[in-house]
């Protein structure tokens, strides 16, 4: 019985991780679509302000999804 719970929690965490990666990709594409400039080009040119915005977006999405996965494991 306990092994089944461990496997279920591991699968839940794995699905949550894949879901968070997908949401981060969607969020990045949405940011790229909303802004009047090419985000990838600005990042490759070394624009620090765009890098901070993209990094902040990834951290916030990761926190939200991490909390959902963490609360689901309890």
PDB file of N, CA and C in Angstrom:
ATOM      1  N   UNK A   1       0.818  -1.190   0.000  1.00  0.00           N
ATOM      2  CA  UNK A   1       0.000   0.000   0.000  1.00  0.00           C
ATOM      3  C   UNK A   1       0.864   1.257   0.000  1.00  0.00           C
ATOM      4  N   UNK A   2       1.929   1.266   0.781  1.00  0.00           N
ATOM      5  CA  UNK A   2       2.768   2.454   0.869  1.00  0.00           C
ATOM      6  C   UNK A   2       3.551   2.687  -0.425  1.00  0.00           C
ATOM      7  N   UNK A   3       3.959   1.625  -1.098  1.00  0.00           N
ATOM      8  CA  UNK A   3       4.677   1.759  -2.363  1.00  0.00           C
ATOM      9  C   UNK A   3       3.782   2.382  -3.429  1.00  0.00           C
ATOM     10  N   UNK A   4       2.515   2.051  -3.420  1.00  0.00           N
ATOM     11  CA  UNK A   4       1.578   2.637  -4.382  1.00  0.00           C
ATOM     12  C   UNK A   4       1.454   4.141  -4.166  1.00  0.00           C
ATOM     13  N   UNK A   5       1.467   4.571  -2.925  1.00  0.00           N
ATOM     14  CA  UNK A   5       1.374   6.001  -2.627  1.00  0.00           C
ATOM     15  C   UNK A   5       2.624   6.727  -3.102  1.00  0.00           C
ATOM     16  N   UNK A   6       3.782   6.113  -2.891  1.00  0.00           N
ATOM     17  CA  UNK A   6       5.044   6.721  -3.342  1.00  0.00           C
ATOM     18  C   UNK A   6       5.060   6.835  -4.855  1.00  0.00           C
ATOM     19  N   UNK A   7       4.643   5.798  -5.553  1.00  0.00           N
ATOM     20  CA  UNK A   7       4.624   5.819  -7.027  1.00  0.00           C
ATOM     21  C   UNK A   7       3.622   6.863  -7.520  1.00  0.00           C
ATOM     22  N   UNK A   8       2.455   6.923  -6.888  1.00  0.00           N
ATOM     23  CA  UNK A   8       1.450   7.912  -7.287  1.00  0.00           C
ATOM     24  C   UNK A   8       1.967   9.332  -7.075  1.00  0.00           C
ATOM     25  N   UNK A   9       2.629   9.582  -5.967  1.00  0.00           N
ATOM     26  CA  UNK A   9       3.185  10.916  -5.707  1.00  0.00           C
ATOM     27  C   UNK A   9       4.286  11.263  -6.700  1.00  0.00           C
ATOM     28  N   UNK A  10       5.120  10.275  -7.047  1.00  0.00           N
ATOM     29  CA  UNK A  10       6.177  10.520  -8.025  1.00  0.00           C
ATOM     30  C   UNK A  10       5.580  10.855  -9.388  1.00  0.00           C
ATOM     31  N   UNK A  11       4.567  10.121  -9.795  1.00  0.00           N
ATOM     32  CA  UNK A  11       3.932  10.402 -11.089  1.00  0.00           C
ATOM     33  C   UNK A  11       3.244  11.763 -11.076  1.00  0.00           C
ATOM     34  N   UNK A  12       2.629  12.105  -9.945  1.00  0.00           N
ATOM     35  CA  UNK A  12       1.994  13.415  -9.825  1.00  0.00           C
ATOM     36  C   UNK A  12       3.031  14.531  -9.936  1.00  0.00           C
ATOM     37  N   UNK A  13       4.167  14.349  -9.308  1.00  0.00           N
ATOM     38  CA  UNK A  13       5.237  15.352  -9.381  1.00  0.00           C
ATOM     39  C   UNK A  13       5.796  15.446 -10.797  1.00  0.00           C
ATOM     40  N   UNK A  14       5.936  14.308 -11.466  1.00  0.00           N
ATOM     41  CA  UNK A  14       6.446  14.295 -12.840  1.00  0.00           C
ATOM     42  C   UNK A  14       5.485  15.015 -13.785  1.00  0.00           C
ATOM     43  N   UNK A  15       4.199  14.728 -13.658  1.00  0.00           N
ATOM     44  CA  UNK A  15       3.206  15.416 -14.485  1.00  0.00           C
ATOM     45  C   UNK A  15       3.201  16.908 -14.171  1.00  0.00           C
ATOM     46  N   UNK A  16       3.328  17.261 -12.899  1.00  0.00           N
ATOM     47  CA  UNK A  16       3.378  18.672 -12.526  1.00  0.00           C
ATOM     48  C   UNK A  16       4.595  19.385 -13.108  1.00  0.00           C
ATOM     49  N   UNK A  17       5.730  18.695 -13.139  1.00  0.00           N
ATOM     50  CA  UNK A  17       6.936  19.292 -13.716  1.00  0.00           C
ATOM     51  C   UNK A  17       6.770  19.514 -15.219  1.00  0.00           C
ATOM     52  N   UNK A  18       6.222  18.530 -15.903  1.00  0.00           N
ATOM     53  CA  UNK A  18       5.989  18.684 -17.344  1.00  0.00           C
ATOM     54  C   UNK A  18       4.973  19.786 -17.624  1.00  0.00           C
ATOM     55  N   UNK A  19       3.957  19.865 -16.779  1.00  0.00           N
ATOM     56  CA  UNK A  19       2.950  20.916 -16.907  1.00  0.00           C
ATOM     57  C   UNK A  19       3.567  22.294 -16.688  1.00  0.00           C
ATOM     58  N   UNK A  20       4.471  22.400 -15.725  1.00  0.00           N
ATOM     59  CA  UNK A  20       5.101  23.692 -15.454  1.00  0.00           C
ATOM     60  C   UNK A  20       6.007  24.123 -16.603  1.00  0.00           C
ATOM     61  N   UNK A  21       6.722  23.181 -17.200  1.00  0.00           N
ATOM     62  CA  UNK A  21       7.555  23.505 -18.355  1.00  0.00           C
ATOM     63  C   UNK A  21       6.693  23.981 -19.516  1.00  0.00           C
ATOM     64  N   UNK A  22       5.567  23.308 -19.734  1.00  0.00           N
ATOM     65  CA  UNK A  22       4.660  23.723 -20.810  1.00  0.00           C
ATOM     66  C   UNK A  22       4.101  25.119 -20.544  1.00  0.00           C
ATOM     67  N   UNK A  23       3.734  25.398 -19.297  1.00  0.00           N
ATOM     68  CA  UNK A  23       3.215  26.724 -18.976  1.00  0.00           C
ATOM     69  C   UNK A  23       4.278  27.805 -19.119  1.00  0.00           C
ATOM     70  N   UNK A  24       5.513  27.489 -18.778  1.00  0.00           N
ATOM     71  CA  UNK A  24       6.595  28.462 -18.955  1.00  0.00           C
ATOM     72  C   UNK A  24       6.824  28.759 -20.433  1.00  0.00           C
ATOM     73  N   UNK A  25       6.752  27.741 -21.262  1.00  0.00           N
ATOM     74  CA  UNK A  25       6.908  27.951 -22.699  1.00  0.00           C
ATOM     75  C   UNK A  25       5.762  28.789 -23.256  1.00  0.00           C
ATOM     76  N   UNK A  26       4.545  28.486 -22.832  1.00  0.00           N
ATOM     77  CA  UNK A  26       3.388  29.265 -23.283  1.00  0.00           C
ATOM     78  C   UNK A  26       3.499  30.710 -22.795  1.00  0.00           C
ATOM     79  N   UNK A  27       3.926  30.896 -21.552  1.00  0.00           N
ATOM     80  CA  UNK A  27       4.091  32.249 -21.019  1.00  0.00           C
ATOM     81  C   UNK A  27       5.148  33.036 -21.775  1.00  0.00           C
ATOM     82  N   UNK A  28       6.250  32.380 -22.134  1.00  0.00           N
ATOM     83  CA  UNK A  28       7.297  33.061 -22.893  1.00  0.00           C
ATOM     84  C   UNK A  28       6.793  33.456 -24.280  1.00  0.00           C
ATOM     85  N   UNK A  29       6.080  32.542 -24.937  1.00  0.00           N
ATOM     86  CA  UNK A  29       5.543  32.850 -26.272  1.00  0.00           C
ATOM     87  C   UNK A  29       4.505  33.971 -26.195  1.00  0.00           C
ATOM     88  N   UNK A  30       3.706  33.982 -25.129  1.00  0.00           N
ATOM     89  CA  UNK A  30       2.723  35.048 -24.951  1.00  0.00           C
ATOM     90  C   UNK A  30       3.417  36.391 -24.726  1.00  0.00           C
ATOM     91  N   UNK A  31       4.459  36.401 -23.911  1.00  0.00           N
ATOM     92  CA  UNK A  31       5.220  37.631 -23.697  1.00  0.00           C
ATOM     93  C   UNK A  31       5.845  38.109 -25.006  1.00  0.00           C
ATOM     94  N   UNK A  32       6.376  37.190 -25.779  1.00  0.00           N
ATOM     95  CA  UNK A  32       6.985  37.545 -27.069  1.00  0.00           C
ATOM     96  C   UNK A  32       5.934  38.103 -28.021  1.00  0.00           C
ATOM     97  N   UNK A  33       4.721  37.587 -27.961  1.00  0.00           N
ATOM     98  CA  UNK A  33       3.655  38.047 -28.837  1.00  0.00           C
ATOM     99  C   UNK A  33       3.131  39.421 -28.410  1.00  0.00           C
ATOM    100  N   UNK A  34       3.065  39.672 -27.099  1.00  0.00           N
ATOM    101  CA  UNK A  34       2.507  40.928 -26.586  1.00  0.00           C
ATOM    102  C   UNK A  34       3.462  42.102 -26.793  1.00  0.00           C
ATOM    103  N   UNK A  35       4.741  41.880 -26.602  1.00  0.00           N
ATOM    104  CA  UNK A  35       5.701  42.976 -26.686  1.00  0.00           C
ATOM    105  C   UNK A  35       5.947  43.377 -28.139  1.00  0.00           C
ATOM    106  N   UNK A  36       6.243  44.669 -28.383  1.00  0.00           N
ATOM    107  CA  UNK A  36       6.445  45.137 -29.760  1.00  0.00           C
ATOM    108  C   UNK A  36       7.824  44.774 -30.324  1.00  0.00           C
ATOM    109  N   UNK A  37       8.665  44.120 -29.540  1.00  0.00           N
ATOM    110  CA  UNK A  37       9.996  43.760 -30.006  1.00  0.00           C
ATOM    111  C   UNK A  37      10.160  42.243 -29.925  1.00  0.00           C
ATOM    112  N   UNK A  38      11.200  41.743 -30.586  1.00  0.00           N
ATOM    113  CA  UNK A  38      11.489  40.313 -30.569  1.00  0.00           C
ATOM    114  C   UNK A  38      12.274  39.987 -29.298  1.00  0.00           C
ATOM    115  N   UNK A  39      11.643  39.247 -28.400  1.00  0.00           N
ATOM    116  CA  UNK A  39      12.255  38.958 -27.106  1.00  0.00           C
ATOM    117  C   UNK A  39      13.527  38.139 -27.263  1.00  0.00           C
ATOM    118  N   UNK A  40      13.517  37.146 -28.115  1.00  0.00           N
ATOM    119  CA  UNK A  40      14.707  36.309 -28.309  1.00  0.00           C
ATOM    120  C   UNK A  40      15.887  37.119 -28.842  1.00  0.00           C
ATOM    121  N   UNK A  41      15.594  38.022 -29.778  1.00  0.00           N
ATOM    122  CA  UNK A  41      16.662  38.852 -30.342  1.00  0.00           C
ATOM    123  C   UNK A  41      17.234  39.790 -29.279  1.00  0.00           C
ATOM    124  N   UNK A  42      16.354  40.359 -28.450  1.00  0.00           N
ATOM    125  CA  UNK A  42      16.814  41.247 -27.389  1.00  0.00           C
ATOM    126  C   UNK A  42      17.662  40.495 -26.365  1.00  0.00           C
ATOM    127  N   UNK A  43      17.266  39.262 -26.047  1.00  0.00           N
ATOM    128  CA  UNK A  43      18.060  38.464 -25.110  1.00  0.00           C
ATOM    129  C   UNK A  43      19.425  38.112 -25.696  1.00  0.00           C
ATOM    130  N   UNK A  44      19.459  37.790 -26.978  1.00  0.00           N
ATOM    131  CA  UNK A  44      20.745  37.457 -27.597  1.00  0.00           C
ATOM    132  C   UNK A  44      21.646  38.679 -27.735  1.00  0.00           C
ATOM    133  N   UNK A  45      21.055  39.874 -27.789  1.00  0.00           N
ATOM    134  CA  UNK A  45      21.842  41.108 -27.834  1.00  0.00           C
ATOM    135  C   UNK A  45      22.317  41.534 -26.449  1.00  0.00           C
ATOM    136  N   UNK A  46      21.866  40.844 -25.408  1.00  0.00           N
ATOM    137  CA  UNK A  46      22.322  41.151 -24.061  1.00  0.00           C
ATOM    138  C   UNK A  46      21.506  42.208 -23.343  1.00  0.00           C
ATOM    139  N   UNK A  47      20.243  42.373 -23.715  1.00  0.00           N
ATOM    140  CA  UNK A  47      19.378  43.347 -23.057  1.00  0.00           C
ATOM    141  C   UNK A  47      19.039  42.821 -21.656  1.00  0.00           C
ATOM    142  N   UNK A  48      19.599  43.474 -20.651  1.00  0.00           N
ATOM    143  CA  UNK A  48      19.449  43.015 -19.270  1.00  0.00           C
ATOM    144  C   UNK A  48      18.018  43.193 -18.782  1.00  0.00           C
ATOM    145  N   UNK A  49      17.356  44.267 -19.174  1.00  0.00           N
ATOM    146  CA  UNK A  49      15.986  44.514 -18.717  1.00  0.00           C
ATOM    147  C   UNK A  49      15.038  43.416 -19.191  1.00  0.00           C
ATOM    148  N   UNK A  50      15.173  43.001 -20.430  1.00  0.00           N
ATOM    149  CA  UNK A  50      14.336  41.917 -20.948  1.00  0.00           C
ATOM    150  C   UNK A  50      14.677  40.613 -20.239  1.00  0.00           C
ATOM    151  N   UNK A  51      15.933  40.394 -19.954  1.00  0.00           N
ATOM    152  CA  UNK A  51      16.338  39.192 -19.228  1.00  0.00           C
ATOM    153  C   UNK A  51      15.748  39.136 -17.828  1.00  0.00           C
ATOM    154  N   UNK A  52      15.693  40.287 -17.159  1.00  0.00           N
ATOM    155  CA  UNK A  52      15.099  40.328 -15.823  1.00  0.00           C
ATOM    156  C   UNK A  52      13.602  40.034 -15.890  1.00  0.00           C
ATOM    157  N   UNK A  53      12.920  40.585 -16.871  1.00  0.00           N
ATOM    158  CA  UNK A  53      11.481  40.342 -17.017  1.00  0.00           C
ATOM    159  C   UNK A  53      11.206  38.869 -17.307  1.00  0.00           C
ATOM    160  N   UNK A  54      11.944  38.277 -18.229  1.00  0.00           N
ATOM    161  CA  UNK A  54      11.744  36.866 -18.572  1.00  0.00           C
ATOM    162  C   UNK A  54      12.095  35.974 -17.382  1.00  0.00           C
ATOM    163  N   UNK A  55      13.175  36.275 -16.714  1.00  0.00           N
ATOM    164  CA  UNK A  55      13.555  35.498 -15.538  1.00  0.00           C
ATOM    165  C   UNK A  55      12.528  35.593 -14.429  1.00  0.00           C
ATOM    166  N   UNK A  56      11.991  36.781 -14.209  1.00  0.00           N
ATOM    167  CA  UNK A  56      10.954  36.966 -13.195  1.00  0.00           C
ATOM    168  C   UNK A  56       9.695  36.187 -13.546  1.00  0.00           C
ATOM    169  N   UNK A  57       9.365  36.163 -14.815  1.00  0.00           N
ATOM    170  CA  UNK A  57       8.192  35.407 -15.253  1.00  0.00           C
ATOM    171  C   UNK A  57       8.383  33.917 -14.990  1.00  0.00           C
ATOM    172  N   UNK A  58       9.565  33.392 -15.289  1.00  0.00           N
ATOM    173  CA  UNK A  58       9.834  31.975 -15.054  1.00  0.00           C
ATOM    174  C   UNK A  58       9.823  31.638 -13.572  1.00  0.00           C
ATOM    175  N   UNK A  59      10.381  32.515 -12.747  1.00  0.00           N
ATOM    176  CA  UNK A  59      10.390  32.263 -11.307  1.00  0.00           C
ATOM    177  C   UNK A  59       8.971  32.261 -10.754  1.00  0.00           C
ATOM    178  N   UNK A  60       8.156  33.224 -11.177  1.00  0.00           N
ATOM    179  CA  UNK A  60       6.783  33.286 -10.658  1.00  0.00           C
ATOM    180  C   UNK A  60       5.953  32.093 -11.107  1.00  0.00           C
ATOM    181  N   UNK A  61       6.072  31.690 -12.358  1.00  0.00           N
ATOM    182  CA  UNK A  61       5.348  30.503 -12.822  1.00  0.00           C
ATOM    183  C   UNK A  61       5.833  29.250 -12.107  1.00  0.00           C
ATOM    184  N   UNK A  62       7.136  29.165 -11.891  1.00  0.00           N
ATOM    185  CA  UNK A  62       7.683  28.012 -11.184  1.00  0.00           C
ATOM    186  C   UNK A  62       7.202  27.941  -9.745  1.00  0.00           C
ATOM    187  N   UNK A  63       7.089  29.088  -9.087  1.00  0.00           N
ATOM    188  CA  UNK A  63       6.585  29.109  -7.708  1.00  0.00           C
ATOM    189  C   UNK A  63       5.132  28.651  -7.646  1.00  0.00           C
ATOM    190  N   UNK A  64       4.330  29.148  -8.549  1.00  0.00           N
ATOM    191  CA  UNK A  64       2.911  28.791  -8.535  1.00  0.00           C
ATOM    192  C   UNK A  64       2.724  27.303  -8.787  1.00  0.00           C
ATOM    193  N   UNK A  65       3.339  26.788  -9.816  1.00  0.00           N
ATOM    194  CA  UNK A  65       3.180  25.368 -10.133  1.00  0.00           C
ATOM    195  C   UNK A  65       3.844  24.510  -9.068  1.00  0.00           C
ATOM    196  N   UNK A  66       4.960  24.951  -8.523  1.00  0.00           N
ATOM    197  CA  UNK A  66       5.608  24.203  -7.450  1.00  0.00           C
ATOM    198  C   UNK A  66       4.748  24.096  -6.211  1.00  0.00           C
ATOM    199  N   UNK A  67       4.037  25.167  -5.903  1.00  0.00           N
ATOM    200  CA  UNK A  67       3.117  25.112  -4.767  1.00  0.00           C
ATOM    201  C   UNK A  67       1.970  24.137  -5.026  1.00  0.00           C
ATOM    202  N   UNK A  68       1.461  24.134  -6.235  1.00  0.00           N
ATOM    203  CA  UNK A  68       0.376  23.206  -6.557  1.00  0.00           C
ATOM    204  C   UNK A  68       0.855  21.770  -6.450  1.00  0.00           C
ATOM    205  N   UNK A  69       2.025  21.478  -6.991  1.00  0.00           N
ATOM    206  CA  UNK A  69       2.560  20.122  -6.916  1.00  0.00           C
ATOM    207  C   UNK A  69       2.885  19.762  -5.478  1.00  0.00           C
ATOM    208  N   UNK A  70       3.503  20.669  -4.740  1.00  0.00           N
ATOM    209  CA  UNK A  70       3.850  20.401  -3.355  1.00  0.00           C
ATOM    210  C   UNK A  70       2.646  20.160  -2.475  1.00  0.00           C
ATOM    211  N   UNK A  71       1.585  20.926  -2.683  1.00  0.00           N
ATOM    212  CA  UNK A  71       0.377  20.732  -1.894  1.00  0.00           C
ATOM    213  C   UNK A  71      -0.319  19.439  -2.281  1.00  0.00           C
ATOM    214  N   UNK A  72      -0.162  19.037  -3.529  1.00  0.00           N
ATOM    215  CA  UNK A  72      -0.768  17.775  -3.959  1.00  0.00           C
ATOM    216  C   UNK A  72      -0.072  16.564  -3.373  1.00  0.00           C
ATOM    217  N   UNK A  73       1.186  16.708  -3.012  1.00  0.00           N
ATOM    218  CA  UNK A  73       1.941  15.585  -2.444  1.00  0.00           C
ATOM    219  C   UNK A  73       1.600  15.361  -0.988  1.00  0.00           C
ATOM    220  N   UNK A  74       1.015  16.329  -0.343  1.00  0.00           N
ATOM    221  CA  UNK A  74       0.693  16.177   1.092  1.00  0.00           C
ATOM    222  C   UNK A  74      -0.622  15.482   1.280  1.00  0.00           C
TER     223      UNK A  74
END
